Amino acid sequence: MLATSMPSSSNFPAGFSSSAILPSTPVSKSISPDKYRGAVVEDLQLSPAFALPFAEPVSRVIELAYDRDFSHIPVLDKNRRPLGYVEVSKLKQLWESGQANPNDKVSQFMIKFKRTSAEPYTLITPLTSLDELEQFLQTNIFALVTDAERKFVIGVATMHDLEQFVSRRGF
């Protein structure tokens, strides 16, 4: 399970969007875009995101991840801007092998988001079609939902969220 999701559309201030650049991970199951019938990201009605500050100690990160059953957690800077994410299973392996100490900062072990002209940051707003979100998720583990300036994490969207949406709607 991921540190997940975003508030329902009624909780979105105007101009909010989603974004994330993550290492490519093939998704085994894809949904036909025509099944979305014009639905957009805000129609997923996802739960609020859970994210950690970059200075959070490793021991606390592991505790919080297992309390909430998360596999990936976004990491934020002091201004709550997304910096990257931590892969909980890898962090736990480093902890168990003695390569990560309980008081080390999570920022030492996070996977940083790539922000280059060669790999531009992908922005997905609440009004972006689920078709476009699906395309993004075919090469990424999850998509962070942020404000338009990418300063605040609001939620996380996954392929599983799209599959649940189709299932609920009976498309």
Protein backbone atom coordinates (compact mmCIF):
# COMPACT_ATOMS: atom_id res chain seq x y z
CA MET A 1 0.00 0.00 0.00
CA LEU A 2 1.19 3.52 -0.71
CA ALA A 3 1.01 6.67 1.31
CA THR A 4 -2.14 7.57 -0.47
CA SER A 5 -4.50 9.61 -2.15
CA MET A 6 -6.29 12.90 -2.41
CA PRO A 7 -9.38 14.58 -0.99
CA SER A 8 -12.67 14.56 -2.84
CA SER A 9 -13.28 17.22 -5.44
CA SER A 10 -15.30 19.31 -3.01
CA ASN A 11 -12.20 19.72 -0.82
CA PHE A 12 -9.96 21.02 -3.64
CA PRO A 13 -9.11 24.71 -3.75
CA ALA A 14 -9.04 26.04 -7.31
CA GLY A 15 -5.85 25.35 -9.24
CA PHE A 16 -4.69 22.20 -7.46
CA SER A 17 -2.85 19.57 -9.48
CA SER A 18 -0.99 16.30 -9.20
CA SER A 19 2.51 15.38 -10.17
CA ALA A 20 5.39 12.96 -9.74
CA ILE A 21 8.37 11.68 -11.60
CA LEU A 22 9.34 8.26 -10.34
CA PRO A 23 11.43 5.38 -11.63
CA SER A 24 9.63 3.38 -14.27
CA THR A 25 7.80 0.32 -13.04
CA PRO A 26 5.60 -1.57 -15.48
CA VAL A 27 2.00 -1.93 -14.43
CA SER A 28 0.64 -5.37 -15.13
CA LYS A 29 -2.95 -4.38 -15.74
CA SER A 30 -4.22 -1.52 -17.86
CA ILE A 31 -7.74 -0.19 -18.19
CA SER A 32 -9.11 0.90 -21.54
CA PRO A 33 -9.29 4.72 -21.62
CA ASP A 34 -12.82 4.72 -23.06
CA LYS A 35 -14.01 3.17 -19.83
CA TYR A 36 -13.49 6.48 -18.00
CA ARG A 37 -16.32 8.24 -19.89
CA GLY A 38 -14.80 11.69 -19.49
CA ALA A 39 -13.97 11.34 -15.78
CA VAL A 40 -11.12 13.40 -14.33
CA VAL A 41 -8.63 12.95 -11.47
CA GLU A 42 -10.84 14.64 -8.88
CA ASP A 43 -13.54 12.03 -9.61
CA LEU A 44 -11.32 9.41 -7.96
CA GLN A 45 -12.21 10.96 -4.56
CA LEU A 46 -8.97 9.82 -2.95
CA SER A 47 -8.02 10.16 0.71
CA PRO A 48 -5.58 12.84 1.92
CA ALA A 49 -1.88 12.12 1.48
CA PHE A 50 0.59 11.15 4.17
CA ALA A 51 4.08 12.63 3.77
CA LEU A 52 7.15 13.11 5.95
CA PRO A 53 9.55 16.00 6.52
CA PHE A 54 13.08 15.46 5.15
CA ALA A 55 14.59 15.58 8.66
CA GLU A 56 12.38 12.81 10.09
CA PRO A 57 14.51 10.12 11.79
CA VAL A 58 14.67 6.70 10.12
CA SER A 59 13.26 4.97 13.22
CA ARG A 60 10.13 7.14 13.09
CA VAL A 61 9.71 6.62 9.33
CA ILE A 62 9.77 2.85 9.70
CA GLU A 63 7.35 3.00 12.63
CA LEU A 64 4.88 5.23 10.77
CA ALA A 65 5.13 3.20 7.56
CA TYR A 66 4.29 -0.05 9.28
CA ASP A 67 1.57 1.49 11.46
CA ARG A 68 -0.14 2.66 8.26
CA ASP A 69 0.99 -0.22 6.02
CA PHE A 70 2.67 2.07 3.45
CA SER A 71 5.30 0.92 0.98
CA HIS A 72 6.29 4.37 -0.35
CA ILE A 73 6.07 7.73 1.44
CA PRO A 74 6.65 11.19 -0.08
CA VAL A 75 9.39 13.28 1.57
CA LEU A 76 8.98 17.06 1.86
CA ASP A 77 11.36 19.97 2.42
CA LYS A 78 10.92 22.53 5.22
CA ASN A 79 8.40 24.42 3.07
CA ARG A 80 6.39 21.21 2.45
CA ARG A 81 7.56 21.01 -1.17
CA PRO A 82 8.02 17.43 -2.47
CA LEU A 83 11.66 16.35 -2.69
CA GLY A 84 11.29 12.64 -3.34
CA TYR A 85 10.03 9.51 -1.66
CA VAL A 86 11.26 6.74 0.57
CA GLU A 87 10.82 3.09 -0.37
CA VAL A 88 10.03 1.52 3.01
CA SER A 89 11.25 -2.00 2.23
CA LYS A 90 14.68 -0.73 1.13
CA LEU A 91 14.92 1.52 4.18
CA LYS A 92 14.10 -1.43 6.43
CA GLN A 93 16.80 -3.53 4.74
CA LEU A 94 19.35 -0.77 5.31
CA TRP A 95 18.26 -0.52 8.95
CA GLU A 96 18.55 -4.26 9.52
CA SER A 97 21.99 -4.41 7.87
CA GLY A 98 23.27 -1.54 10.02
CA GLN A 99 23.65 0.85 7.06
CA ALA A 100 20.94 3.15 8.44
CA ASN A 101 20.90 4.29 12.05
CA PRO A 102 17.74 5.15 13.99
CA ASN A 103 18.60 8.86 14.16
CA ASP A 104 19.69 9.26 10.52
CA LYS A 105 17.51 11.64 8.51
CA VAL A 106 15.17 10.08 5.98
CA SER A 107 16.53 12.49 3.35
CA GLN A 108 19.75 10.42 3.28
CA PHE A 109 17.79 7.42 1.98
CA MET A 110 15.08 8.94 -0.17
CA ILE A 111 14.79 8.61 -3.93
CA LYS A 112 14.85 12.15 -5.30
CA PHE A 113 12.41 13.28 -7.94
CA LYS A 114 14.13 13.97 -11.26
CA ARG A 115 13.55 17.51 -12.39
CA THR A 116 15.46 18.13 -15.59
CA SER A 117 14.64 19.41 -19.04
CA ALA A 118 15.23 15.89 -20.35
CA GLU A 119 12.75 14.47 -17.81
CA PRO A 120 10.21 17.24 -17.15
CA TYR A 121 8.01 17.18 -14.07
CA THR A 122 4.59 15.89 -15.07
CA LEU A 123 1.68 17.93 -13.77
CA ILE A 124 -1.75 16.34 -13.50
CA THR A 125 -4.50 18.64 -12.27
CA PRO A 126 -7.82 17.55 -10.80
CA LEU A 127 -9.30 18.33 -14.22
CA THR A 128 -6.87 16.07 -16.10
CA SER A 129 -8.59 13.11 -17.70
CA LEU A 130 -8.20 9.69 -16.11
CA ASP A 131 -6.96 8.58 -19.51
CA GLU A 132 -3.91 10.86 -19.13
CA LEU A 133 -3.39 9.75 -15.52
CA GLU A 134 -3.44 6.12 -16.64
CA GLN A 135 -0.76 6.84 -19.25
CA PHE A 136 1.43 8.42 -16.55
CA LEU A 137 0.91 5.49 -14.18
CA GLN A 138 1.95 2.97 -16.82
CA THR A 139 5.55 4.09 -16.32
CA ASN A 140 5.40 5.32 -12.71
CA ILE A 141 4.54 3.71 -9.38
CA PHE A 142 2.27 6.55 -8.26
CA ALA A 143 1.46 10.20 -8.99
CA LEU A 144 1.75 12.85 -6.31
CA VAL A 145 -1.14 15.25 -6.09
CA THR A 146 0.18 18.75 -5.38
CA ASP A 147 -0.89 22.36 -5.70
CA ALA A 148 -0.32 24.08 -9.05
CA GLU A 149 3.14 25.29 -7.99
CA ARG A 150 4.06 21.81 -6.72
CA LYS A 151 4.65 23.18 -3.24
CA PHE A 152 2.26 21.01 -1.22
CA VAL A 153 1.45 17.32 -1.39
CA ILE A 154 -2.29 16.76 -1.23
CA GLY A 155 -2.51 13.12 -2.18
CA VAL A 156 -1.29 10.17 -4.20
CA ALA A 157 -2.99 8.40 -7.11
CA THR A 158 -2.24 4.82 -8.19
CA MET A 159 -3.30 2.40 -10.89
CA HIS A 160 -5.27 0.59 -8.20
CA ASP A 161 -7.31 3.77 -7.66
CA LEU A 162 -8.20 3.78 -11.36
CA GLU A 163 -9.20 0.12 -11.25
CA GLN A 164 -11.42 0.76 -8.20
CA PHE A 165 -13.03 3.73 -9.94
CA VAL A 166 -13.96 1.59 -12.96
CA SER A 167 -15.25 -1.17 -10.69
CA ARG A 168 -17.41 1.23 -8.63
CA ARG A 169 -18.86 2.87 -11.72
CA GLY A 170 -19.55 -0.41 -13.51
CA PHE A 171 -17.89 0.80 -16.70
